[in-house]
Amino acid sequence: QVQLVESGGRLVQAGGSLRLTCAASGRTVNMYTMGWFRQAPGKEREFVAAMNWSGALDSGDSVKGRFTISRDNAKNAVYLQMNSLKPEDTAVYYCAVGSIGYVSQRSHDYAYWGQGTQVTVSS
């Protein structure tokens, strides 16, 4: 059983930066693929970024070059650094634990999810 708690979401102006934190508990997640997804009202859940145990990573086209995923296994935590934020980035951001060993962009490949943290970007 893995529990995930996201934090760091807030209101920020366009062009600004924000770092989200995902704290895991219940068991260590260093051997699992970790991902960030987001969902805005009226839209499907969207892949943001993911990293597996070996350091392989991927990010969605809409955030590539602006968002960076990282993890600190000693702290059992995952982070999402968001730069050059745009109003279209406004969404609830979710941290997730993968059920597979490779990096995936599919929500179906992630077994555990946090409650989400709201990010709002004003223009």
C-alpha atoms as a PDB file:
ATOM      1  CA  GLN A   1       0.000   0.000   0.000  1.00  0.00           C
ATOM      2  CA  VAL A   2       1.379   3.369  -1.074  1.00  0.00           C
ATOM      3  CA  GLN A   3      -0.001   6.733  -0.050  1.00  0.00           C
ATOM      4  CA  LEU A   4       0.847   9.832  -2.076  1.00  0.00           C
ATOM      5  CA  VAL A   5       0.368  13.436  -1.018  1.00  0.00           C
ATOM      6  CA  GLU A   6       0.963  16.300  -3.444  1.00  0.00           C
ATOM      7  CA  SER A   7       1.733  19.809  -2.280  1.00  0.00           C
ATOM      8  CA  GLY A   8       3.012  23.107  -3.612  1.00  0.00           C
ATOM      9  CA  GLY A   9       0.152  24.104  -5.867  1.00  0.00           C
ATOM     10  CA  ARG A  10      -0.904  27.742  -5.735  1.00  0.00           C
ATOM     11  CA  LEU A  11      -1.832  30.780  -7.781  1.00  0.00           C
ATOM     12  CA  VAL A  12       1.050  32.070  -9.890  1.00  0.00           C
ATOM     13  CA  GLN A  13       1.356  34.621 -12.689  1.00  0.00           C
ATOM     14  CA  ALA A  14       2.102  33.592 -16.254  1.00  0.00           C
ATOM     15  CA  GLY A  15       5.826  33.274 -16.819  1.00  0.00           C
ATOM     16  CA  GLY A  16       6.455  32.325 -13.230  1.00  0.00           C
ATOM     17  CA  SER A  17       7.809  29.135 -11.707  1.00  0.00           C
ATOM     18  CA  LEU A  18       6.526  26.611  -9.226  1.00  0.00           C
ATOM     19  CA  ARG A  19       7.748  23.345  -7.733  1.00  0.00           C
ATOM     20  CA  LEU A  20       5.357  20.582  -6.778  1.00  0.00           C
ATOM     21  CA  THR A  21       6.224  17.896  -4.257  1.00  0.00           C
ATOM     22  CA  CYS A  22       4.871  14.364  -4.014  1.00  0.00           C
ATOM     23  CA  ALA A  23       5.559  12.673  -0.698  1.00  0.00           C
ATOM     24  CA  ALA A  24       5.156   8.894  -0.605  1.00  0.00           C
ATOM     25  CA  SER A  25       4.524   6.797   2.468  1.00  0.00           C
ATOM     26  CA  GLY A  26       3.588   3.235   3.325  1.00  0.00           C
ATOM     27  CA  ARG A  27       6.522   1.822   1.391  1.00  0.00           C
ATOM     28  CA  THR A  28       9.512   3.094  -0.544  1.00  0.00           C
ATOM     29  CA  VAL A  29       8.921   3.936  -4.201  1.00  0.00           C
ATOM     30  CA  ASN A  30      12.513   3.968  -5.434  1.00  0.00           C
ATOM     31  CA  MET A  31      11.937   0.886  -7.603  1.00  0.00           C
ATOM     32  CA  TYR A  32       8.742   2.178  -9.185  1.00  0.00           C
ATOM     33  CA  THR A  33       8.019   4.429 -12.116  1.00  0.00           C
ATOM     34  CA  MET A  34       6.616   7.723 -10.853  1.00  0.00           C
ATOM     35  CA  GLY A  35       4.526  10.083 -12.902  1.00  0.00           C
ATOM     36  CA  TRP A  36       2.815  13.440 -12.883  1.00  0.00           C
ATOM     37  CA  PHE A  37      -0.528  13.963 -14.589  1.00  0.00           C
ATOM     38  CA  ARG A  38      -2.888  16.905 -14.712  1.00  0.00           C
ATOM     39  CA  GLN A  39      -6.559  17.441 -15.361  1.00  0.00           C
ATOM     40  CA  ALA A  40      -8.363  20.669 -16.162  1.00  0.00           C
ATOM     41  CA  PRO A  41     -12.153  21.068 -16.064  1.00  0.00           C
ATOM     42  CA  GLY A  42     -13.757  19.576 -19.161  1.00  0.00           C
ATOM     43  CA  LYS A  43     -10.547  17.898 -20.297  1.00  0.00           C
ATOM     44  CA  GLU A  44      -9.127  14.399 -20.164  1.00  0.00           C
ATOM     45  CA  ARG A  45      -6.354  13.580 -17.755  1.00  0.00           C
ATOM     46  CA  GLU A  46      -3.085  14.556 -19.423  1.00  0.00           C
ATOM     47  CA  PHE A  47       0.365  13.074 -19.024  1.00  0.00           C
ATOM     48  CA  VAL A  48       2.926  15.573 -17.754  1.00  0.00           C
ATOM     49  CA  ALA A  49       6.141  13.731 -16.905  1.00  0.00           C
ATOM     50  CA  ALA A  50       7.460  10.432 -15.569  1.00  0.00           C
ATOM     51  CA  MET A  51      10.681   8.827 -14.386  1.00  0.00           C
ATOM     52  CA  ASN A  52      11.481   5.203 -13.676  1.00  0.00           C
ATOM     53  CA  TRP A  53      13.877   3.653 -11.183  1.00  0.00           C
ATOM     54  CA  SER A  54      16.900   3.826 -13.511  1.00  0.00           C
ATOM     55  CA  GLY A  55      16.461   7.499 -14.337  1.00  0.00           C
ATOM     56  CA  ALA A  56      14.774   7.124 -17.707  1.00  0.00           C
ATOM     57  CA  LEU A  57      12.279   9.928 -18.157  1.00  0.00           C
ATOM     58  CA  ASP A  58       9.727  11.396 -20.484  1.00  0.00           C
ATOM     59  CA  SER A  59       7.509  14.469 -20.591  1.00  0.00           C
ATOM     60  CA  GLY A  60       4.427  15.529 -22.486  1.00  0.00           C
ATOM     61  CA  ASP A  61       4.764  17.624 -25.622  1.00  0.00           C
ATOM     62  CA  SER A  62       2.899  20.549 -24.095  1.00  0.00           C
ATOM     63  CA  VAL A  63       5.378  20.874 -21.217  1.00  0.00           C
ATOM     64  CA  LYS A  64       8.613  19.657 -22.779  1.00  0.00           C
ATOM     65  CA  GLY A  65      11.419  22.095 -22.139  1.00  0.00           C
ATOM     66  CA  ARG A  66       9.484  23.847 -19.384  1.00  0.00           C
ATOM     67  CA  PHE A  67       8.763  21.152 -16.785  1.00  0.00           C
ATOM     68  CA  THR A  68      11.302  18.803 -15.212  1.00  0.00           C
ATOM     69  CA  ILE A  69      10.631  15.751 -13.061  1.00  0.00           C
ATOM     70  CA  SER A  70      13.097  14.650 -10.405  1.00  0.00           C
ATOM     71  CA  ARG A  71      13.118  12.310  -7.453  1.00  0.00           C
ATOM     72  CA  ASP A  72      14.898  11.968  -4.146  1.00  0.00           C
ATOM     73  CA  ASN A  73      14.832   8.321  -3.137  1.00  0.00           C
ATOM     74  CA  ALA A  74      16.302   9.065   0.292  1.00  0.00           C
ATOM     75  CA  LYS A  75      13.290  11.254   1.032  1.00  0.00           C
ATOM     76  CA  ASN A  76      10.835   8.987  -0.799  1.00  0.00           C
ATOM     77  CA  ALA A  77       9.706  12.021  -2.759  1.00  0.00           C
ATOM     78  CA  VAL A  78       9.140  13.140  -6.336  1.00  0.00           C
ATOM     79  CA  TYR A  79       9.190  16.701  -7.612  1.00  0.00           C
ATOM     80  CA  LEU A  80       7.932  18.623 -10.603  1.00  0.00           C
ATOM     81  CA  GLN A  81       9.739  21.864 -11.404  1.00  0.00           C
ATOM     82  CA  MET A  82       7.532  24.053 -13.574  1.00  0.00           C
ATOM     83  CA  ASN A  83       8.983  27.060 -15.364  1.00  0.00           C
ATOM     84  CA  SER A  84       7.557  29.544 -17.863  1.00  0.00           C
ATOM     85  CA  LEU A  85       4.057  28.761 -16.685  1.00  0.00           C
ATOM     86  CA  LYS A  86       1.144  29.510 -18.986  1.00  0.00           C
ATOM     87  CA  PRO A  87      -2.583  29.909 -18.261  1.00  0.00           C
ATOM     88  CA  GLU A  88      -3.154  26.627 -20.113  1.00  0.00           C
ATOM     89  CA  ASP A  89      -1.139  24.887 -17.392  1.00  0.00           C
ATOM     90  CA  THR A  90      -3.962  25.564 -14.940  1.00  0.00           C
ATOM     91  CA  ALA A  91      -5.144  22.195 -13.643  1.00  0.00           C
ATOM     92  CA  VAL A  92      -5.164  19.816 -10.727  1.00  0.00           C
ATOM     93  CA  TYR A  93      -1.826  18.024 -10.723  1.00  0.00           C
ATOM     94  CA  TYR A  94      -1.651  14.411  -9.598  1.00  0.00           C
ATOM     95  CA  CYS A  95       1.278  12.245  -8.585  1.00  0.00           C
ATOM     96  CA  ALA A  96       1.051   8.545  -9.423  1.00  0.00           C
ATOM     97  CA  VAL A  97       2.933   5.277  -8.892  1.00  0.00           C
ATOM     98  CA  GLY A  98       3.313   3.084 -11.950  1.00  0.00           C
ATOM     99  CA  SER A  99       2.332  -0.572 -12.059  1.00  0.00           C
ATOM    100  CA  ILE A 100       5.007  -1.222 -14.686  1.00  0.00           C
ATOM    101  CA  GLY A 101       8.767  -0.830 -14.805  1.00  0.00           C
ATOM    102  CA  TYR A 102       9.037   1.363 -17.864  1.00  0.00           C
ATOM    103  CA  VAL A 103       8.079   4.985 -18.417  1.00  0.00           C
ATOM    104  CA  SER A 104       4.532   5.286 -19.666  1.00  0.00           C
ATOM    105  CA  GLN A 105       2.262   8.152 -20.652  1.00  0.00           C
ATOM    106  CA  ARG A 106      -0.912   6.155 -20.038  1.00  0.00           C
ATOM    107  CA  SER A 107      -2.972   6.716 -16.897  1.00  0.00           C
ATOM    108  CA  HIS A 108      -3.928   3.035 -17.050  1.00  0.00           C
ATOM    109  CA  ASP A 109      -0.323   2.051 -16.278  1.00  0.00           C
ATOM    110  CA  TYR A 110      -0.352   3.773 -12.902  1.00  0.00           C
ATOM    111  CA  ALA A 111      -1.823   2.020  -9.887  1.00  0.00           C
ATOM    112  CA  TYR A 112      -1.773   4.570  -7.068  1.00  0.00           C
ATOM    113  CA  TRP A 113      -2.731   8.226  -7.132  1.00  0.00           C
ATOM    114  CA  GLY A 114      -2.536  11.172  -4.810  1.00  0.00           C
ATOM    115  CA  GLN A 115      -5.388  13.558  -4.101  1.00  0.00           C
ATOM    116  CA  GLY A 116      -4.008  16.277  -6.355  1.00  0.00           C
ATOM    117  CA  THR A 117      -2.865  19.846  -5.861  1.00  0.00           C
ATOM    118  CA  GLN A 118      -4.368  22.841  -7.645  1.00  0.00           C
ATOM    119  CA  VAL A 119      -2.164  24.986  -9.856  1.00  0.00           C
ATOM    120  CA  THR A 120      -3.687  28.181 -11.198  1.00  0.00           C
ATOM    121  CA  VAL A 121      -1.801  30.389 -13.649  1.00  0.00           C
ATOM    122  CA  SER A 122      -3.125  33.897 -14.167  1.00  0.00           C
ATOM    123  CA  SER A 123      -2.539  36.106 -17.197  1.00  0.00           C
END
